[in-house]
N, C-alpha and C. Protein backbone atom coordinates (compact mmCIF):
# COMPACT_ATOMS: atom_id res chain seq x y z
N MET A 1 -1.84 19.63 7.97
CA MET A 1 -2.49 20.78 8.55
C MET A 1 -3.81 21.01 7.82
N PRO A 2 -4.88 21.24 8.53
CA PRO A 2 -6.15 21.52 7.85
C PRO A 2 -6.14 22.93 7.25
N ARG A 3 -6.74 23.04 6.08
CA ARG A 3 -6.86 24.33 5.40
C ARG A 3 -8.22 24.42 4.74
N TRP A 4 -8.83 25.57 4.82
CA TRP A 4 -10.07 25.83 4.10
C TRP A 4 -9.72 26.38 2.73
N ILE A 5 -10.33 25.81 1.69
CA ILE A 5 -10.16 26.31 0.32
C ILE A 5 -11.54 26.47 -0.30
N THR A 6 -11.60 27.10 -1.44
CA THR A 6 -12.84 27.21 -2.19
C THR A 6 -12.75 26.29 -3.40
N VAL A 7 -13.76 25.45 -3.58
CA VAL A 7 -13.79 24.54 -4.72
C VAL A 7 -14.99 24.87 -5.60
N GLU A 8 -14.85 24.58 -6.88
CA GLU A 8 -15.94 24.80 -7.82
C GLU A 8 -16.75 23.51 -7.96
N THR A 9 -18.07 23.63 -7.84
CA THR A 9 -18.97 22.50 -8.01
C THR A 9 -19.99 22.86 -9.07
N ALA A 10 -20.84 21.91 -9.43
CA ALA A 10 -21.91 22.18 -10.39
C ALA A 10 -22.86 23.25 -9.86
N SER A 11 -22.92 23.40 -8.54
CA SER A 11 -23.79 24.40 -7.90
C SER A 11 -23.07 25.72 -7.65
N GLY A 12 -21.81 25.79 -8.04
CA GLY A 12 -21.03 27.01 -7.81
C GLY A 12 -19.93 26.78 -6.79
N ALA A 13 -19.29 27.86 -6.39
CA ALA A 13 -18.18 27.79 -5.44
C ALA A 13 -18.70 27.43 -4.04
N THR A 14 -17.90 26.62 -3.34
CA THR A 14 -18.25 26.23 -1.97
C THR A 14 -16.97 26.02 -1.17
N PRO A 15 -17.00 26.30 0.13
CA PRO A 15 -15.80 26.06 0.94
C PRO A 15 -15.60 24.56 1.16
N ALA A 16 -14.34 24.15 1.26
CA ALA A 16 -14.01 22.74 1.51
C ALA A 16 -12.81 22.68 2.44
N LEU A 17 -12.86 21.74 3.36
CA LEU A 17 -11.74 21.53 4.27
C LEU A 17 -10.78 20.53 3.63
N THR A 18 -9.52 20.90 3.54
CA THR A 18 -8.50 20.02 2.99
C THR A 18 -7.42 19.81 4.03
N PHE A 19 -6.61 18.81 3.82
CA PHE A 19 -5.48 18.54 4.71
C PHE A 19 -4.21 18.59 3.88
N VAL A 20 -3.29 19.41 4.31
CA VAL A 20 -2.08 19.68 3.54
C VAL A 20 -0.86 19.22 4.33
N MET A 21 0.06 18.56 3.66
CA MET A 21 1.30 18.11 4.28
C MET A 21 2.39 19.13 4.00
N ASN A 22 3.15 19.45 5.02
CA ASN A 22 4.31 20.32 4.88
C ASN A 22 5.42 19.48 4.25
N ARG A 23 5.75 19.77 2.99
CA ARG A 23 6.75 18.97 2.27
C ARG A 23 8.15 19.13 2.85
N ALA A 24 8.36 20.12 3.68
CA ALA A 24 9.67 20.30 4.32
C ALA A 24 9.77 19.47 5.60
N SER A 25 8.67 18.89 6.04
CA SER A 25 8.65 18.10 7.27
C SER A 25 9.42 16.80 7.10
N PRO A 26 10.13 16.37 8.14
CA PRO A 26 10.81 15.07 8.06
C PRO A 26 9.80 13.91 8.00
N LEU A 27 8.54 14.16 8.30
CA LEU A 27 7.50 13.14 8.23
C LEU A 27 6.94 12.97 6.83
N TYR A 28 7.27 13.89 5.92
CA TYR A 28 6.77 13.82 4.55
C TYR A 28 7.45 12.68 3.82
N ALA A 29 6.67 11.75 3.29
CA ALA A 29 7.22 10.56 2.63
C ALA A 29 7.46 10.77 1.14
N GLY A 30 7.03 11.88 0.60
CA GLY A 30 7.18 12.10 -0.84
C GLY A 30 6.11 11.38 -1.62
N ARG A 31 6.20 11.48 -2.92
CA ARG A 31 5.22 10.80 -3.78
C ARG A 31 5.35 9.30 -3.62
N GLN A 32 4.21 8.65 -3.48
CA GLN A 32 4.16 7.20 -3.34
C GLN A 32 3.25 6.63 -4.42
N SER A 33 3.53 5.44 -4.87
CA SER A 33 2.64 4.78 -5.84
C SER A 33 1.33 4.42 -5.13
N LEU A 34 0.26 4.22 -5.91
CA LEU A 34 -1.01 3.79 -5.30
C LEU A 34 -0.82 2.44 -4.59
N GLU A 35 0.03 1.58 -5.14
CA GLU A 35 0.27 0.28 -4.53
C GLU A 35 0.93 0.43 -3.16
N ALA A 36 1.88 1.35 -3.04
CA ALA A 36 2.55 1.58 -1.76
C ALA A 36 1.58 2.17 -0.74
N VAL A 37 0.74 3.10 -1.18
CA VAL A 37 -0.26 3.70 -0.29
C VAL A 37 -1.26 2.63 0.15
N ALA A 38 -1.68 1.78 -0.80
CA ALA A 38 -2.64 0.71 -0.48
C ALA A 38 -2.06 -0.21 0.58
N ASP A 39 -0.78 -0.54 0.46
CA ASP A 39 -0.14 -1.41 1.44
C ASP A 39 -0.20 -0.81 2.84
N VAL A 40 0.05 0.48 2.95
CA VAL A 40 0.00 1.16 4.25
C VAL A 40 -1.44 1.17 4.77
N LEU A 41 -2.39 1.56 3.92
CA LEU A 41 -3.79 1.65 4.37
C LEU A 41 -4.36 0.30 4.77
N ALA A 42 -3.93 -0.76 4.10
CA ALA A 42 -4.43 -2.10 4.44
C ALA A 42 -3.94 -2.54 5.81
N ARG A 43 -2.83 -1.98 6.27
CA ARG A 43 -2.25 -2.35 7.56
C ARG A 43 -2.57 -1.37 8.68
N ALA A 44 -2.86 -0.13 8.33
CA ALA A 44 -2.97 0.94 9.32
C ALA A 44 -4.22 0.79 10.20
N CYS A 45 -4.03 1.05 11.48
CA CYS A 45 -5.13 1.03 12.43
C CYS A 45 -4.82 2.03 13.53
N GLY A 46 -5.81 2.83 13.85
CA GLY A 46 -5.64 3.82 14.90
C GLY A 46 -6.77 3.75 15.90
N HIS A 47 -6.84 4.75 16.75
CA HIS A 47 -7.86 4.79 17.80
C HIS A 47 -9.28 4.82 17.23
N TRP A 48 -9.44 5.40 16.04
CA TRP A 48 -10.78 5.59 15.48
C TRP A 48 -11.11 4.61 14.38
N GLY A 49 -10.28 3.61 14.18
CA GLY A 49 -10.57 2.60 13.16
C GLY A 49 -9.37 2.35 12.26
N THR A 50 -9.64 1.63 11.18
CA THR A 50 -8.56 1.25 10.27
C THR A 50 -8.45 2.22 9.10
N GLY A 51 -7.30 2.19 8.47
CA GLY A 51 -7.11 2.99 7.26
C GLY A 51 -8.05 2.54 6.17
N ALA A 52 -8.28 1.23 6.07
CA ALA A 52 -9.18 0.67 5.06
C ALA A 52 -10.61 1.17 5.28
N GLU A 53 -11.05 1.20 6.53
CA GLU A 53 -12.41 1.70 6.84
C GLU A 53 -12.53 3.18 6.50
N TYR A 54 -11.52 3.95 6.84
CA TYR A 54 -11.54 5.38 6.56
C TYR A 54 -11.61 5.63 5.05
N LEU A 55 -10.82 4.88 4.28
CA LEU A 55 -10.84 5.03 2.83
C LEU A 55 -12.21 4.67 2.26
N LEU A 56 -12.76 3.53 2.67
CA LEU A 56 -14.07 3.12 2.16
C LEU A 56 -15.14 4.14 2.53
N ASN A 57 -15.10 4.64 3.75
CA ASN A 57 -16.05 5.65 4.19
C ASN A 57 -15.92 6.91 3.32
N THR A 58 -14.69 7.30 3.03
CA THR A 58 -14.45 8.49 2.22
C THR A 58 -15.00 8.33 0.81
N VAL A 59 -14.63 7.24 0.12
CA VAL A 59 -15.08 7.07 -1.26
C VAL A 59 -16.60 6.87 -1.33
N SER A 60 -17.17 6.19 -0.35
CA SER A 60 -18.62 5.98 -0.32
C SER A 60 -19.37 7.29 -0.15
N HIS A 61 -18.90 8.14 0.76
CA HIS A 61 -19.57 9.42 0.97
C HIS A 61 -19.39 10.36 -0.22
N LEU A 62 -18.22 10.35 -0.83
CA LEU A 62 -18.03 11.15 -2.03
C LEU A 62 -18.97 10.69 -3.14
N GLU A 63 -19.07 9.39 -3.33
CA GLU A 63 -19.95 8.83 -4.34
C GLU A 63 -21.41 9.22 -4.08
N ALA A 64 -21.82 9.18 -2.81
CA ALA A 64 -23.19 9.57 -2.45
C ALA A 64 -23.47 11.03 -2.80
N LYS A 65 -22.42 11.83 -2.83
CA LYS A 65 -22.57 13.25 -3.19
C LYS A 65 -22.38 13.48 -4.69
N GLY A 66 -22.23 12.38 -5.43
CA GLY A 66 -22.06 12.51 -6.88
C GLY A 66 -20.63 12.79 -7.30
N ILE A 67 -19.68 12.54 -6.40
CA ILE A 67 -18.27 12.78 -6.71
C ILE A 67 -17.59 11.42 -6.82
N ARG A 68 -17.12 11.11 -8.02
CA ARG A 68 -16.42 9.83 -8.22
C ARG A 68 -14.98 10.12 -8.61
N ASP A 69 -14.09 9.74 -7.74
CA ASP A 69 -12.66 9.94 -7.97
C ASP A 69 -12.07 8.59 -8.35
N ARG A 70 -11.70 8.43 -9.61
CA ARG A 70 -11.25 7.11 -10.09
C ARG A 70 -9.99 6.63 -9.37
N ASN A 71 -9.11 7.55 -8.98
CA ASN A 71 -7.90 7.13 -8.27
C ASN A 71 -8.21 6.64 -6.86
N LEU A 72 -9.16 7.30 -6.18
CA LEU A 72 -9.54 6.82 -4.84
C LEU A 72 -10.21 5.46 -4.93
N TRP A 73 -11.06 5.24 -5.97
CA TRP A 73 -11.70 3.94 -6.12
C TRP A 73 -10.68 2.87 -6.49
N ARG A 74 -9.69 3.23 -7.30
CA ARG A 74 -8.62 2.27 -7.61
C ARG A 74 -7.86 1.91 -6.33
N LEU A 75 -7.57 2.93 -5.52
CA LEU A 75 -6.91 2.69 -4.24
C LEU A 75 -7.75 1.79 -3.37
N GLN A 76 -9.06 2.02 -3.33
CA GLN A 76 -9.98 1.20 -2.55
C GLN A 76 -9.92 -0.26 -3.00
N ARG A 77 -9.91 -0.47 -4.32
CA ARG A 77 -9.83 -1.84 -4.84
C ARG A 77 -8.52 -2.52 -4.44
N LEU A 78 -7.41 -1.77 -4.54
CA LEU A 78 -6.12 -2.33 -4.16
C LEU A 78 -6.08 -2.72 -2.68
N VAL A 79 -6.62 -1.86 -1.82
CA VAL A 79 -6.66 -2.15 -0.38
C VAL A 79 -7.52 -3.39 -0.12
N ALA A 80 -8.68 -3.45 -0.75
CA ALA A 80 -9.57 -4.60 -0.57
C ALA A 80 -8.89 -5.89 -1.02
N GLU A 81 -8.17 -5.83 -2.14
CA GLU A 81 -7.47 -7.02 -2.64
C GLU A 81 -6.40 -7.48 -1.64
N LEU A 82 -5.65 -6.54 -1.08
CA LEU A 82 -4.62 -6.90 -0.10
C LEU A 82 -5.24 -7.56 1.12
N ILE A 83 -6.34 -7.02 1.60
CA ILE A 83 -7.01 -7.59 2.78
C ILE A 83 -7.60 -8.96 2.46
N GLU A 84 -8.18 -9.11 1.26
CA GLU A 84 -8.76 -10.40 0.86
C GLU A 84 -7.68 -11.48 0.76
N ARG A 85 -6.48 -11.11 0.31
CA ARG A 85 -5.39 -12.07 0.19
C ARG A 85 -4.84 -12.52 1.54
N ASN A 86 -5.08 -11.72 2.58
CA ASN A 86 -4.53 -12.02 3.91
C ASN A 86 -5.62 -11.91 4.98
N PRO A 87 -6.75 -12.63 4.81
CA PRO A 87 -7.87 -12.44 5.75
C PRO A 87 -7.55 -12.80 7.19
N ALA A 88 -6.73 -13.80 7.42
CA ALA A 88 -6.44 -14.23 8.79
C ALA A 88 -5.63 -13.18 9.54
N GLU A 89 -4.89 -12.39 8.80
CA GLU A 89 -4.04 -11.40 9.45
C GLU A 89 -4.73 -10.05 9.63
N GLY A 90 -5.90 -9.88 9.03
CA GLY A 90 -6.64 -8.63 9.19
C GLY A 90 -5.82 -7.44 8.79
N ASN A 91 -5.70 -6.47 9.70
CA ASN A 91 -4.95 -5.26 9.40
C ASN A 91 -3.49 -5.36 9.80
N ALA A 92 -3.03 -6.54 10.03
CA ALA A 92 -1.62 -6.73 10.36
C ALA A 92 -0.96 -7.55 9.26
N LEU A 93 -1.25 -7.20 8.00
CA LEU A 93 -0.72 -7.94 6.85
C LEU A 93 0.71 -8.32 7.10
């Protein structure tokens, strides 16, 4: 579910849109390792593109804004490695 929150930045407080999972939902998978998440993102594809593309777009835009999230970049590296190991299969690892 989308939620608006206030985040603190170097320029002060600013609104930010976040997406929150209802942990009581049967769709909630619980905590997953970065490796497990990378496996899903390397395979995922929807109407608007792949999970890998969405992740790269996210980390690239954050970086352009001066926001570097080491866990997202680690996840990006893991996804890229999975795709590189299985190039013929693309997003159907």
